[in-house]
Amino acid sequence: MNLTDRLRFAFEWLPACNSLLDVGGDCGNVSNEYLKKSKKVFMTDFNEEHLKIGKNKFNKVNFVRSVAEKLPFKSESFDAITMTDTLEHVRNERESLDEIHRVLQKDRVLIISVPHRGILGWIDPFNFKFVFPQAYKWLKGKEFAEKQLKEESWHRHYSLNKLKKLLENKFIIEKVHRGGMLFPFLWGFQDLFVVHVLKNKKPDWLENLMSRIYDLDYSVNWYHLGYHIIIKTKKI
């Protein structure tokens, strides 16, 4: 797997370590890549179907069903933790970060990526369906859109100051990158092209092309214009 955009940053910022926890790792595709940095990798997710898929594909990753607010690990079990595109979905942010702080060793690394509450934060592809439901149905197709409107919750965004307050007295922020200024516009174009031109068929060439464009866009630090923010922190 070729990691791009914010996931590439997370991988590059990770130090070599003995044990890593990937919180909210979906099906484990990225968790498996972290084995190049860590001797042992654990991944948590609450979705049973995602865990089942991951276990069948990646036998070197330790999959555990858990919510972020209650991690089933002993204190100071890990010397690195990643939480990419997960914090914005948890039920309780502070409880989740308290648990991460508990299971991470002192002076070790936590990497978080979330949607950025910047100038372009209002153009959120995931919240678009709630603000403009009829336009979303036209863009994505009625059947798909109606399912998403029922199942998906509001997508939270975070400013750097908000992250500092959440991490206060627990972690020190060492690195910050705000990338992906073009992300919401590229997302809209891609969906329009796939749904209305390719009739819901997404060829590999398009996937590869868009991945390269996203990565190039994310490589630039757009500051307040960035759609995503990723931070590297150290436990105190």
Protein backbone atom coordinates (compact mmCIF):
# COMPACT_ATOMS: atom_id res chain seq x y z
CA MET A 1 0.00 0.00 0.00
CA ASN A 2 1.30 3.44 -0.94
CA LEU A 3 0.47 5.88 1.88
CA THR A 4 -0.43 9.36 0.70
CA ASP A 5 -1.42 12.79 2.07
CA ARG A 6 -1.97 12.89 5.87
CA LEU A 7 -1.31 9.14 6.28
CA ARG A 8 2.10 9.61 4.69
CA PHE A 9 2.83 12.38 7.18
CA ALA A 10 1.76 10.15 10.08
CA PHE A 11 4.06 7.36 8.88
CA GLU A 12 7.03 9.67 8.33
CA TRP A 13 6.61 11.32 11.74
CA LEU A 14 6.52 7.99 13.57
CA PRO A 15 9.78 6.93 15.22
CA ALA A 16 10.94 3.33 15.23
CA CYS A 17 9.26 1.69 18.24
CA ASN A 18 8.42 -1.60 19.93
CA SER A 19 4.65 -1.33 20.29
CA LEU A 20 2.18 0.88 18.44
CA LEU A 21 -1.57 1.37 18.83
CA ASP A 22 -3.66 2.58 15.89
CA VAL A 23 -6.95 3.87 17.33
CA GLY A 24 -9.93 3.63 14.96
CA GLY A 25 -7.96 1.88 12.24
CA ASP A 26 -10.94 0.75 10.12
CA CYS A 27 -9.89 -2.44 8.25
CA GLY A 28 -6.21 -2.24 9.18
CA ASN A 29 -4.71 -1.26 5.81
CA VAL A 30 -2.68 1.56 7.34
CA SER A 31 -2.05 -0.33 10.59
CA ASN A 32 -0.32 -3.02 8.54
CA GLU A 33 2.04 -0.41 7.06
CA TYR A 34 3.02 0.67 10.56
CA LEU A 35 4.74 -2.72 10.98
CA LYS A 36 7.58 -1.13 9.04
CA LYS A 37 8.09 1.19 12.02
CA SER A 38 6.98 -0.92 15.00
CA LYS A 39 7.74 -4.49 16.07
CA LYS A 40 4.15 -4.95 17.29
CA VAL A 41 1.03 -3.19 16.03
CA PHE A 42 -2.38 -3.21 17.70
CA MET A 43 -5.45 -1.74 16.06
CA THR A 44 -8.81 -0.91 17.65
CA ASP A 45 -12.13 -0.34 15.94
CA PHE A 46 -15.73 -0.81 17.05
CA ASN A 47 -17.04 -2.01 13.69
CA GLU A 48 -17.12 -5.83 13.73
CA GLU A 49 -17.26 -6.08 9.94
CA HIS A 50 -14.13 -3.94 9.57
CA LEU A 51 -12.29 -6.09 12.10
CA LYS A 52 -13.33 -9.27 10.32
CA ILE A 53 -11.99 -7.98 7.01
CA GLY A 54 -8.74 -6.88 8.65
CA LYS A 55 -8.13 -10.19 10.40
CA ASN A 56 -8.52 -12.04 7.11
CA LYS A 57 -6.06 -9.76 5.30
CA PHE A 58 -3.38 -8.84 7.84
CA ASN A 59 -2.35 -11.65 10.17
CA LYS A 60 0.54 -9.73 11.77
CA VAL A 61 -1.68 -6.95 13.13
CA ASN A 62 -3.43 -7.48 16.48
CA PHE A 63 -7.08 -6.50 16.02
CA VAL A 64 -9.14 -5.52 19.09
CA ARG A 65 -12.78 -4.44 19.22
CA SER A 66 -13.00 -1.36 21.39
CA VAL A 67 -14.20 2.24 21.63
CA ALA A 68 -11.61 4.95 22.19
CA GLU A 69 -13.20 5.94 25.50
CA LYS A 70 -12.41 2.56 27.06
CA LEU A 71 -9.25 0.91 25.77
CA PRO A 72 -8.67 -2.68 27.00
CA PHE A 73 -4.95 -2.25 27.64
CA LYS A 74 -2.77 -1.78 30.71
CA SER A 75 -1.38 1.65 31.53
CA GLU A 76 1.74 2.62 29.56
CA SER A 77 1.41 -0.33 27.17
CA PHE A 78 2.56 1.51 24.03
CA ASP A 79 5.41 3.73 22.96
CA ALA A 80 3.54 5.21 19.98
CA ILE A 81 -0.13 5.85 19.20
CA THR A 82 -1.82 7.06 16.02
CA MET A 83 -5.34 8.45 15.73
CA THR A 84 -5.91 9.43 12.11
CA ASP A 85 -9.39 10.66 11.12
CA THR A 86 -10.91 9.20 14.29
CA LEU A 87 -11.19 11.89 16.98
CA GLU A 88 -13.92 13.70 15.03
CA HIS A 89 -16.12 10.58 15.27
CA VAL A 90 -15.75 9.58 18.93
CA ARG A 91 -18.58 9.99 21.43
CA ASN A 92 -16.46 11.83 24.01
CA GLU A 93 -13.23 13.55 23.00
CA ARG A 94 -11.82 14.12 26.50
CA GLU A 95 -12.50 10.58 27.68
CA SER A 96 -10.85 9.22 24.54
CA LEU A 97 -7.75 11.37 25.00
CA ASP A 98 -7.60 10.47 28.70
CA GLU A 99 -7.51 6.80 27.76
CA ILE A 100 -4.85 7.36 25.12
CA HIS A 101 -2.79 9.28 27.66
CA ARG A 102 -3.16 6.39 30.12
CA VAL A 103 -1.97 3.63 27.76
CA LEU A 104 0.89 5.64 26.22
CA GLN A 105 4.33 5.68 27.85
CA LYS A 106 5.74 8.97 29.10
CA ASP A 107 7.61 11.13 26.56
CA ARG A 108 6.26 9.00 23.70
CA VAL A 109 4.53 10.01 20.48
CA LEU A 110 0.84 10.51 19.72
CA ILE A 111 -0.11 11.54 16.17
CA ILE A 112 -3.58 12.93 15.46
CA SER A 113 -5.17 14.02 12.17
CA VAL A 114 -8.61 15.64 11.99
CA PRO A 115 -10.59 17.95 9.70
CA HIS A 116 -9.37 21.52 10.17
CA ARG A 117 -11.64 24.36 11.30
CA GLY A 118 -10.02 26.80 8.90
CA ILE A 119 -11.33 29.25 6.33
CA LEU A 120 -12.56 26.40 4.10
CA GLY A 121 -13.87 24.20 6.93
CA TRP A 122 -17.46 24.95 6.00
CA ILE A 123 -16.98 23.19 2.64
CA ASP A 124 -17.11 19.74 4.21
CA PRO A 125 -17.89 16.84 1.82
CA PHE A 126 -19.21 14.78 4.74
CA ASN A 127 -21.48 17.52 6.14
CA PHE A 128 -22.61 18.65 2.70
CA LYS A 129 -25.36 16.02 2.76
CA PHE A 130 -26.97 17.59 5.84
CA VAL A 131 -26.72 21.20 4.63
CA PHE A 132 -27.79 20.54 1.02
CA PRO A 133 -29.56 17.12 1.04
CA GLN A 134 -31.19 17.48 -2.37
CA ALA A 135 -27.95 18.52 -4.06
CA TYR A 136 -26.21 15.60 -2.30
CA LYS A 137 -28.78 13.15 -3.71
CA TRP A 138 -28.14 14.49 -7.19
CA LEU A 139 -24.37 14.37 -6.70
CA LYS A 140 -24.09 10.89 -5.18
CA GLY A 141 -27.22 9.19 -6.47
CA LYS A 142 -30.50 8.91 -4.54
CA GLU A 143 -30.06 5.36 -3.18
CA PHE A 144 -26.54 5.92 -1.85
CA ALA A 145 -27.37 9.38 -0.48
CA GLU A 146 -30.44 8.29 1.46
CA LYS A 147 -28.42 5.54 3.18
CA GLN A 148 -25.68 7.99 4.15
CA LEU A 149 -28.19 10.52 5.49
CA LYS A 150 -29.49 7.87 7.90
CA GLU A 151 -26.18 6.40 9.07
CA GLU A 152 -23.54 9.12 9.16
CA SER A 153 -23.19 11.69 11.95
CA TRP A 154 -21.95 15.28 11.80
CA HIS A 155 -18.27 15.63 10.91
CA ARG A 156 -16.50 17.72 13.58
CA HIS A 157 -13.67 20.13 12.72
CA TYR A 158 -10.83 21.36 14.95
CA SER A 159 -8.72 24.48 15.07
CA LEU A 160 -5.17 24.31 16.41
CA ASN A 161 -6.31 26.18 19.54
CA LYS A 162 -9.11 23.65 20.10
CA LEU A 163 -6.62 20.78 19.90
CA LYS A 164 -4.29 22.57 22.32
CA LYS A 165 -7.11 22.88 24.86
CA LEU A 166 -8.10 19.23 24.50
CA LEU A 167 -4.48 18.13 24.95
CA GLU A 168 -3.65 20.61 27.72
CA ASN A 169 -1.63 19.15 30.61
CA LYS A 170 -1.43 15.80 28.80
CA PHE A 171 0.55 16.33 25.60
CA ILE A 172 2.94 18.87 24.06
CA ILE A 173 2.46 19.60 20.36
CA GLU A 174 5.78 19.28 18.50
CA LYS A 175 4.76 19.46 14.83
CA VAL A 176 1.77 20.88 12.95
CA HIS A 177 0.81 20.61 9.28
CA ARG A 178 -2.40 21.92 7.68
CA GLY A 179 -2.79 20.54 4.17
CA GLY A 180 -5.40 19.72 1.58
CA MET A 181 -6.76 23.10 0.50
CA LEU A 182 -8.18 21.59 -2.71
CA PHE A 183 -9.65 18.49 -1.06
CA PRO A 184 -13.36 19.51 -0.94
CA PHE A 185 -13.28 20.76 -4.54
CA LEU A 186 -11.46 17.65 -5.81
CA TRP A 187 -13.94 15.47 -3.92
CA GLY A 188 -16.89 17.18 -5.61
CA PHE A 189 -15.34 16.93 -9.06
CA GLN A 190 -14.47 13.25 -8.61
CA ASP A 191 -17.98 12.33 -7.47
CA LEU A 192 -19.61 14.26 -10.32
CA PHE A 193 -17.37 12.51 -12.83
CA VAL A 194 -17.88 9.02 -11.37
CA VAL A 195 -21.65 9.26 -10.89
CA HIS A 196 -22.70 11.21 -13.98
CA VAL A 197 -20.01 10.34 -16.56
CA LEU A 198 -18.72 6.90 -15.57
CA LYS A 199 -22.11 5.74 -14.21
CA ASN A 200 -20.74 4.74 -10.77
CA LYS A 201 -17.76 2.86 -12.17
CA LYS A 202 -14.46 3.97 -10.62
CA PRO A 203 -11.48 2.76 -12.69
CA ASP A 204 -8.05 2.22 -11.16
CA TRP A 205 -6.47 4.94 -13.29
CA LEU A 206 -8.81 7.54 -11.79
CA GLU A 207 -8.17 6.31 -8.25
CA ASN A 208 -4.40 6.50 -8.80
CA LEU A 209 -4.58 9.92 -10.44
CA MET A 210 -6.71 11.46 -7.68
CA SER A 211 -4.49 9.91 -5.01
CA ARG A 212 -1.44 11.62 -6.52
CA ILE A 213 -3.24 14.95 -6.74
CA TYR A 214 -4.45 14.70 -3.13
CA ASP A 215 -0.90 13.89 -2.01
CA LEU A 216 0.57 16.83 -3.89
CA ASP A 217 -2.08 19.16 -2.46
CA TYR A 218 -1.47 17.87 1.06
CA SER A 219 2.29 18.32 0.76
CA VAL A 220 1.81 22.10 0.89
CA ASN A 221 1.30 23.67 4.32
CA TRP A 222 -1.77 25.82 3.59
CA TYR A 223 -2.07 27.09 7.18
CA HIS A 224 -5.59 28.54 7.70
CA LEU A 225 -6.62 27.43 4.19
CA GLY A 226 -5.85 23.75 4.87
CA TYR A 227 -8.80 21.37 5.08
CA HIS A 228 -6.98 18.83 7.30
CA ILE A 229 -4.66 19.32 10.25
CA ILE A 230 -2.19 16.75 11.54
CA ILE A 231 -0.15 17.12 14.73
CA LYS A 232 2.71 15.21 16.33
CA THR A 233 2.62 15.35 20.13
CA LYS A 234 4.58 14.02 23.10
CA LYS A 235 3.03 12.76 26.33
CA ILE A 236 3.96 14.71 29.45
